[in-house]
Amino acid sequence: MERNRINEKSSQRRKPSGAAVKKESVTKAIEQALFQEWAATGYAAISIESVAKRAGVGKAAIYRRWPSKLAMVTDLVNKVGVDLIVVPNSGDLHCDIYQILLQLRRLLRHTLIARILPDLHAEMGRTPELAAGIRSTVQVQRRASAEQVLLNAINRKEIRENVDIDMALDMLGSMVYWRMIITKRRADRAYLEKLASLIVRTLKD
């Protein structure tokens, strides 16, 4: 009888505390709340308290995952950005570039992202730690994925070996971003097709 009581107590001690378990549903709620709060108020006004309230959780749930607002923002922006990266490899440069532009358009058409991105870039200019955290992960990986598309085209002899890859990468993203975010104009599929053709011609010249 005594042995059973000891075993029972030992089993109870081994049970993990519910407060220590990081539930994926809670993490997802915090992620959604962060971006909603950001779109509504801007980066400067975001606080751990406001995100927790919008997510319907306590502040402790956030602090168990991230030690600060900066860490939370950096981690979640990188997570979302990296998850959206796809490297097309159709065997045709025009098709691959069109797919990259289509991915970018899909990203920029998202209501929250369209509202957050200008504020993010402005804040990166004011907060070096945020800029370093974003540029070292999501921007590096996004450029690396596009660079692989160009390297594949070089290997297929579609474009010359000495093409300026860095300039080509700037060209891939900047024109769609300028059109959709800065000038607020539509970038329909016909526009993306024309842009892909222009980029391919430029790379082949």
C-alpha atoms as a PDB file:
ATOM      1  CA  MET A   1       0.000   0.000   0.000  1.00  0.00           C
ATOM      2  CA  GLU A   2       2.824   2.373   0.946  1.00  0.00           C
ATOM      3  CA  ARG A   3       4.633   1.559  -2.311  1.00  0.00           C
ATOM      4  CA  ASN A   4       1.517   2.404  -4.312  1.00  0.00           C
ATOM      5  CA  ARG A   5       1.228   5.778  -2.578  1.00  0.00           C
ATOM      6  CA  ILE A   6       4.905   6.517  -3.320  1.00  0.00           C
ATOM      7  CA  ASN A   7       4.473   5.563  -6.976  1.00  0.00           C
ATOM      8  CA  GLU A   8       1.364   7.721  -7.194  1.00  0.00           C
ATOM      9  CA  LYS A   9       3.165  10.746  -5.726  1.00  0.00           C
ATOM     10  CA  SER A  10       6.137  10.205  -8.049  1.00  0.00           C
ATOM     11  CA  SER A  11       3.801  10.062 -11.052  1.00  0.00           C
ATOM     12  CA  GLN A  12       2.134  13.265  -9.959  1.00  0.00           C
ATOM     13  CA  ARG A  13       5.477  15.032  -9.662  1.00  0.00           C
ATOM     14  CA  ARG A  14       6.412  14.012 -13.211  1.00  0.00           C
ATOM     15  CA  LYS A  15       3.333  15.605 -14.765  1.00  0.00           C
ATOM     16  CA  PRO A  16       4.308  18.782 -16.642  1.00  0.00           C
ATOM     17  CA  SER A  17       2.776  21.995 -15.476  1.00  0.00           C
ATOM     18  CA  GLY A  18       0.045  23.177 -17.825  1.00  0.00           C
ATOM     19  CA  ALA A  19       1.439  26.713 -17.616  1.00  0.00           C
ATOM     20  CA  ALA A  20       4.761  25.498 -19.050  1.00  0.00           C
ATOM     21  CA  VAL A  21       3.292  23.981 -22.213  1.00  0.00           C
ATOM     22  CA  LYS A  22       3.502  26.277 -25.227  1.00  0.00           C
ATOM     23  CA  LYS A  23       0.304  25.514 -27.095  1.00  0.00           C
ATOM     24  CA  GLU A  24       0.485  26.017 -30.849  1.00  0.00           C
ATOM     25  CA  SER A  25      -3.018  27.492 -30.861  1.00  0.00           C
ATOM     26  CA  VAL A  26      -1.908  30.182 -28.413  1.00  0.00           C
ATOM     27  CA  THR A  27       1.211  30.942 -30.455  1.00  0.00           C
ATOM     28  CA  LYS A  28      -0.949  31.285 -33.572  1.00  0.00           C
ATOM     29  CA  ALA A  29      -3.378  33.587 -31.759  1.00  0.00           C
ATOM     30  CA  ILE A  30      -0.478  35.799 -30.653  1.00  0.00           C
ATOM     31  CA  GLU A  31       0.908  35.882 -34.204  1.00  0.00           C
ATOM     32  CA  GLN A  32      -2.426  36.991 -35.651  1.00  0.00           C
ATOM     33  CA  ALA A  33      -2.929  39.527 -32.878  1.00  0.00           C
ATOM     34  CA  LEU A  34       0.504  41.052 -33.459  1.00  0.00           C
ATOM     35  CA  PHE A  35      -0.099  41.698 -37.141  1.00  0.00           C
ATOM     36  CA  GLN A  36      -3.623  42.981 -36.554  1.00  0.00           C
ATOM     37  CA  GLU A  37      -2.369  45.334 -33.853  1.00  0.00           C
ATOM     38  CA  TRP A  38       0.502  46.462 -36.069  1.00  0.00           C
ATOM     39  CA  ALA A  39      -1.797  47.233 -38.992  1.00  0.00           C
ATOM     40  CA  ALA A  40      -4.150  49.159 -36.711  1.00  0.00           C
ATOM     41  CA  THR A  41      -1.659  51.201 -34.680  1.00  0.00           C
ATOM     42  CA  GLY A  42       1.822  51.060 -36.223  1.00  0.00           C
ATOM     43  CA  TYR A  43       4.972  49.500 -34.781  1.00  0.00           C
ATOM     44  CA  ALA A  44       5.699  52.236 -32.238  1.00  0.00           C
ATOM     45  CA  ALA A  45       2.341  51.795 -30.502  1.00  0.00           C
ATOM     46  CA  ILE A  46       2.563  47.998 -30.211  1.00  0.00           C
ATOM     47  CA  SER A  47       3.014  46.712 -26.681  1.00  0.00           C
ATOM     48  CA  ILE A  48       3.097  43.281 -25.100  1.00  0.00           C
ATOM     49  CA  GLU A  49      -0.081  44.258 -23.240  1.00  0.00           C
ATOM     50  CA  SER A  50      -1.985  45.278 -26.379  1.00  0.00           C
ATOM     51  CA  VAL A  51      -1.024  42.114 -28.268  1.00  0.00           C
ATOM     52  CA  ALA A  52      -1.936  39.920 -25.308  1.00  0.00           C
ATOM     53  CA  LYS A  53      -5.317  41.616 -24.962  1.00  0.00           C
ATOM     54  CA  ARG A  54      -6.099  41.237 -28.660  1.00  0.00           C
ATOM     55  CA  ALA A  55      -5.009  37.587 -28.592  1.00  0.00           C
ATOM     56  CA  GLY A  56      -7.079  36.875 -25.486  1.00  0.00           C
ATOM     57  CA  VAL A  57      -4.092  35.619 -23.494  1.00  0.00           C
ATOM     58  CA  GLY A  58      -2.078  36.798 -20.519  1.00  0.00           C
ATOM     59  CA  LYS A  59       1.219  38.657 -20.902  1.00  0.00           C
ATOM     60  CA  ALA A  60       2.987  35.631 -19.404  1.00  0.00           C
ATOM     61  CA  ALA A  61       2.022  33.588 -22.483  1.00  0.00           C
ATOM     62  CA  ILE A  62       3.975  36.025 -24.645  1.00  0.00           C
ATOM     63  CA  TYR A  63       6.957  36.273 -22.310  1.00  0.00           C
ATOM     64  CA  ARG A  64       7.236  32.473 -22.261  1.00  0.00           C
ATOM     65  CA  ARG A  65       7.841  32.661 -25.988  1.00  0.00           C
ATOM     66  CA  TRP A  66       9.752  35.907 -26.450  1.00  0.00           C
ATOM     67  CA  PRO A  67      11.659  38.079 -23.981  1.00  0.00           C
ATOM     68  CA  SER A  68      10.637  41.379 -25.585  1.00  0.00           C
ATOM     69  CA  LYS A  69       8.526  43.104 -28.211  1.00  0.00           C
ATOM     70  CA  LEU A  70      11.534  43.303 -30.542  1.00  0.00           C
ATOM     71  CA  ALA A  71      12.194  39.568 -30.256  1.00  0.00           C
ATOM     72  CA  MET A  72       8.522  38.759 -30.881  1.00  0.00           C
ATOM     73  CA  VAL A  73       8.268  41.005 -33.934  1.00  0.00           C
ATOM     74  CA  THR A  74      11.563  39.841 -35.430  1.00  0.00           C
ATOM     75  CA  ASP A  75      10.753  36.163 -34.951  1.00  0.00           C
ATOM     76  CA  LEU A  76       7.217  36.337 -36.347  1.00  0.00           C
ATOM     77  CA  VAL A  77       8.093  38.549 -39.331  1.00  0.00           C
ATOM     78  CA  ASN A  78      10.888  36.157 -40.255  1.00  0.00           C
ATOM     79  CA  LYS A  79       8.648  33.124 -39.752  1.00  0.00           C
ATOM     80  CA  VAL A  80       5.920  34.471 -42.032  1.00  0.00           C
ATOM     81  CA  GLY A  81       8.403  35.744 -44.600  1.00  0.00           C
ATOM     82  CA  VAL A  82      10.373  32.508 -44.819  1.00  0.00           C
ATOM     83  CA  ASP A  83       7.235  30.346 -44.950  1.00  0.00           C
ATOM     84  CA  LEU A  84       6.142  32.213 -48.090  1.00  0.00           C
ATOM     85  CA  ILE A  85       9.382  31.593 -49.986  1.00  0.00           C
ATOM     86  CA  VAL A  86       9.080  29.199 -52.923  1.00  0.00           C
ATOM     87  CA  VAL A  87      11.803  28.619 -55.523  1.00  0.00           C
ATOM     88  CA  PRO A  88      10.216  27.984 -58.934  1.00  0.00           C
ATOM     89  CA  ASN A  89      12.158  25.719 -61.299  1.00  0.00           C
ATOM     90  CA  SER A  90      10.073  25.159 -64.423  1.00  0.00           C
ATOM     91  CA  GLY A  91      13.053  25.016 -66.778  1.00  0.00           C
ATOM     92  CA  ASP A  92      12.109  28.335 -68.381  1.00  0.00           C
ATOM     93  CA  LEU A  93      13.361  31.696 -67.078  1.00  0.00           C
ATOM     94  CA  HIS A  94      10.314  33.706 -68.162  1.00  0.00           C
ATOM     95  CA  CYS A  95       7.967  31.290 -66.414  1.00  0.00           C
ATOM     96  CA  ASP A  96      10.087  31.256 -63.241  1.00  0.00           C
ATOM     97  CA  ILE A  97      10.309  35.056 -63.073  1.00  0.00           C
ATOM     98  CA  TYR A  98       6.577  35.338 -63.655  1.00  0.00           C
ATOM     99  CA  GLN A  99       5.987  32.953 -60.738  1.00  0.00           C
ATOM    100  CA  ILE A 100       8.248  35.054 -58.491  1.00  0.00           C
ATOM    101  CA  LEU A 101       6.321  38.192 -59.437  1.00  0.00           C
ATOM    102  CA  LEU A 102       3.045  36.383 -58.860  1.00  0.00           C
ATOM    103  CA  GLN A 103       4.197  35.307 -55.379  1.00  0.00           C
ATOM    104  CA  LEU A 104       5.168  38.886 -54.587  1.00  0.00           C
ATOM    105  CA  ARG A 105       1.837  40.210 -55.816  1.00  0.00           C
ATOM    106  CA  ARG A 106      -0.010  37.665 -53.680  1.00  0.00           C
ATOM    107  CA  LEU A 107       1.978  38.837 -50.659  1.00  0.00           C
ATOM    108  CA  LEU A 108       1.422  42.550 -51.312  1.00  0.00           C
ATOM    109  CA  ARG A 109      -2.314  42.100 -51.931  1.00  0.00           C
ATOM    110  CA  HIS A 110      -2.833  40.855 -48.381  1.00  0.00           C
ATOM    111  CA  THR A 111      -4.585  43.665 -46.500  1.00  0.00           C
ATOM    112  CA  LEU A 112      -2.526  43.438 -43.318  1.00  0.00           C
ATOM    113  CA  ILE A 113       0.796  43.040 -45.121  1.00  0.00           C
ATOM    114  CA  ALA A 114       0.099  45.981 -47.423  1.00  0.00           C
ATOM    115  CA  ARG A 115      -0.504  48.184 -44.365  1.00  0.00           C
ATOM    116  CA  ILE A 116       2.415  46.850 -42.338  1.00  0.00           C
ATOM    117  CA  LEU A 117       5.241  46.844 -44.898  1.00  0.00           C
ATOM    118  CA  PRO A 118       5.697  50.634 -45.283  1.00  0.00           C
ATOM    119  CA  ASP A 119       5.718  51.002 -41.502  1.00  0.00           C
ATOM    120  CA  LEU A 120       8.149  48.092 -41.146  1.00  0.00           C
ATOM    121  CA  HIS A 121      10.620  49.660 -43.581  1.00  0.00           C
ATOM    122  CA  ALA A 122      10.327  53.034 -41.869  1.00  0.00           C
ATOM    123  CA  GLU A 123      10.888  51.456 -38.455  1.00  0.00           C
ATOM    124  CA  MET A 124      13.890  49.492 -39.709  1.00  0.00           C
ATOM    125  CA  GLY A 125      15.487  52.841 -40.481  1.00  0.00           C
ATOM    126  CA  ARG A 126      14.916  53.959 -36.884  1.00  0.00           C
ATOM    127  CA  THR A 127      15.661  50.667 -35.118  1.00  0.00           C
ATOM    128  CA  PRO A 128      18.970  49.058 -36.165  1.00  0.00           C
ATOM    129  CA  GLU A 129      18.266  45.909 -34.113  1.00  0.00           C
ATOM    130  CA  LEU A 130      15.015  45.311 -35.986  1.00  0.00           C
ATOM    131  CA  ALA A 131      16.686  45.958 -39.344  1.00  0.00           C
ATOM    132  CA  ALA A 132      19.494  43.526 -38.529  1.00  0.00           C
ATOM    133  CA  GLY A 133      17.061  40.828 -37.418  1.00  0.00           C
ATOM    134  CA  ILE A 134      14.910  41.076 -40.540  1.00  0.00           C
ATOM    135  CA  ARG A 135      17.671  41.537 -43.097  1.00  0.00           C
ATOM    136  CA  SER A 136      19.778  38.697 -41.742  1.00  0.00           C
ATOM    137  CA  THR A 137      16.995  36.155 -42.209  1.00  0.00           C
ATOM    138  CA  VAL A 138      14.000  36.811 -44.429  1.00  0.00           C
ATOM    139  CA  GLN A 139      15.625  39.287 -46.824  1.00  0.00           C
ATOM    140  CA  VAL A 140      18.702  37.110 -47.212  1.00  0.00           C
ATOM    141  CA  GLN A 141      16.630  34.001 -47.867  1.00  0.00           C
ATOM    142  CA  ARG A 142      14.259  35.730 -50.290  1.00  0.00           C
ATOM    143  CA  ARG A 143      17.174  37.049 -52.344  1.00  0.00           C
ATOM    144  CA  ALA A 144      18.883  33.665 -52.199  1.00  0.00           C
ATOM    145  CA  SER A 145      15.777  31.969 -53.608  1.00  0.00           C
ATOM    146  CA  ALA A 146      15.557  34.450 -56.489  1.00  0.00           C
ATOM    147  CA  GLU A 147      19.295  34.163 -57.078  1.00  0.00           C
ATOM    148  CA  GLN A 148      18.915  30.398 -57.471  1.00  0.00           C
ATOM    149  CA  VAL A 149      16.391  31.000 -60.257  1.00  0.00           C
ATOM    150  CA  LEU A 150      18.951  33.142 -62.092  1.00  0.00           C
ATOM    151  CA  LEU A 151      21.741  30.612 -61.519  1.00  0.00           C
ATOM    152  CA  ASN A 152      19.522  27.884 -62.933  1.00  0.00           C
ATOM    153  CA  ALA A 153      18.979  30.034 -66.033  1.00  0.00           C
ATOM    154  CA  ILE A 154      22.737  30.574 -66.385  1.00  0.00           C
ATOM    155  CA  ASN A 155      23.300  26.824 -66.177  1.00  0.00           C
ATOM    156  CA  ARG A 156      20.687  26.356 -68.926  1.00  0.00           C
ATOM    157  CA  LYS A 157      22.521  28.989 -71.051  1.00  0.00           C
ATOM    158  CA  GLU A 158      19.405  31.185 -71.113  1.00  0.00           C
ATOM    159  CA  ILE A 159      21.337  34.215 -69.881  1.00  0.00           C
ATOM    160  CA  ARG A 160      25.009  35.122 -69.937  1.00  0.00           C
ATOM    161  CA  GLU A 161      27.320  34.046 -67.133  1.00  0.00           C
ATOM    162  CA  ASN A 162      28.461  37.578 -66.297  1.00  0.00           C
ATOM    163  CA  VAL A 163      24.947  38.956 -65.725  1.00  0.00           C
ATOM    164  CA  ASP A 164      24.764  41.399 -62.810  1.00  0.00           C
ATOM    165  CA  ILE A 165      22.816  39.187 -60.403  1.00  0.00           C
ATOM    166  CA  ASP A 166      22.624  41.758 -57.622  1.00  0.00           C
ATOM    167  CA  MET A 167      21.053  44.351 -59.906  1.00  0.00           C
ATOM    168  CA  ALA A 168      18.723  41.733 -61.366  1.00  0.00           C
ATOM    169  CA  LEU A 169      17.503  40.830 -57.867  1.00  0.00           C
ATOM    170  CA  ASP A 170      16.778  44.496 -57.136  1.00  0.00           C
ATOM    171  CA  MET A 171      14.807  44.712 -60.365  1.00  0.00           C
ATOM    172  CA  LEU A 172      12.724  41.619 -59.571  1.00  0.00           C
ATOM    173  CA  GLY A 173      11.129  43.018 -56.435  1.00  0.00           C
ATOM    174  CA  SER A 174      11.297  46.784 -56.708  1.00  0.00           C
ATOM    175  CA  MET A 175       8.965  47.394 -59.630  1.00  0.00           C
ATOM    176  CA  VAL A 176       6.018  45.433 -58.257  1.00  0.00           C
ATOM    177  CA  TYR A 177       6.531  46.898 -54.784  1.00  0.00           C
ATOM    178  CA  TRP A 178       6.623  50.453 -56.173  1.00  0.00           C
ATOM    179  CA  ARG A 179       3.513  49.945 -58.247  1.00  0.00           C
ATOM    180  CA  MET A 180       1.382  48.277 -55.557  1.00  0.00           C
ATOM    181  CA  ILE A 181       2.577  49.848 -52.303  1.00  0.00           C
ATOM    182  CA  ILE A 182       3.827  53.303 -53.285  1.00  0.00           C
ATOM    183  CA  THR A 183       1.586  54.297 -56.197  1.00  0.00           C
ATOM    184  CA  LYS A 184      -1.344  52.020 -55.182  1.00  0.00           C
ATOM    185  CA  ARG A 185      -1.874  50.805 -58.737  1.00  0.00           C
ATOM    186  CA  ARG A 186      -3.047  47.373 -59.845  1.00  0.00           C
ATOM    187  CA  ALA A 187      -0.570  44.744 -60.933  1.00  0.00           C
ATOM    188  CA  ASP A 188      -2.743  42.318 -62.880  1.00  0.00           C
ATOM    189  CA  ARG A 189      -1.485  39.204 -64.622  1.00  0.00           C
ATOM    190  CA  ALA A 190      -1.057  41.041 -67.930  1.00  0.00           C
ATOM    191  CA  TYR A 191       1.208  43.561 -66.198  1.00  0.00           C
ATOM    192  CA  LEU A 192       3.239  40.768 -64.578  1.00  0.00           C
ATOM    193  CA  GLU A 193       3.627  39.016 -67.935  1.00  0.00           C
ATOM    194  CA  LYS A 194       4.937  42.223 -69.529  1.00  0.00           C
ATOM    195  CA  LEU A 195       7.256  42.846 -66.608  1.00  0.00           C
ATOM    196  CA  ALA A 196       8.604  39.288 -66.736  1.00  0.00           C
ATOM    197  CA  SER A 197       9.282  39.695 -70.466  1.00  0.00           C
ATOM    198  CA  LEU A 198      11.053  43.018 -69.847  1.00  0.00           C
ATOM    199  CA  ILE A 199      13.246  41.515 -67.138  1.00  0.00           C
ATOM    200  CA  VAL A 200      14.158  38.507 -69.291  1.00  0.00           C
ATOM    201  CA  ARG A 201      15.070  40.752 -72.251  1.00  0.00           C
ATOM    202  CA  THR A 202      17.217  42.895 -69.980  1.00  0.00           C
ATOM    203  CA  LEU A 203      19.037  39.874 -68.613  1.00  0.00           C
ATOM    204  CA  LYS A 204      19.681  38.522 -72.101  1.00  0.00           C
ATOM    205  CA  ASP A 205      21.041  41.769 -73.554  1.00  0.00           C
END
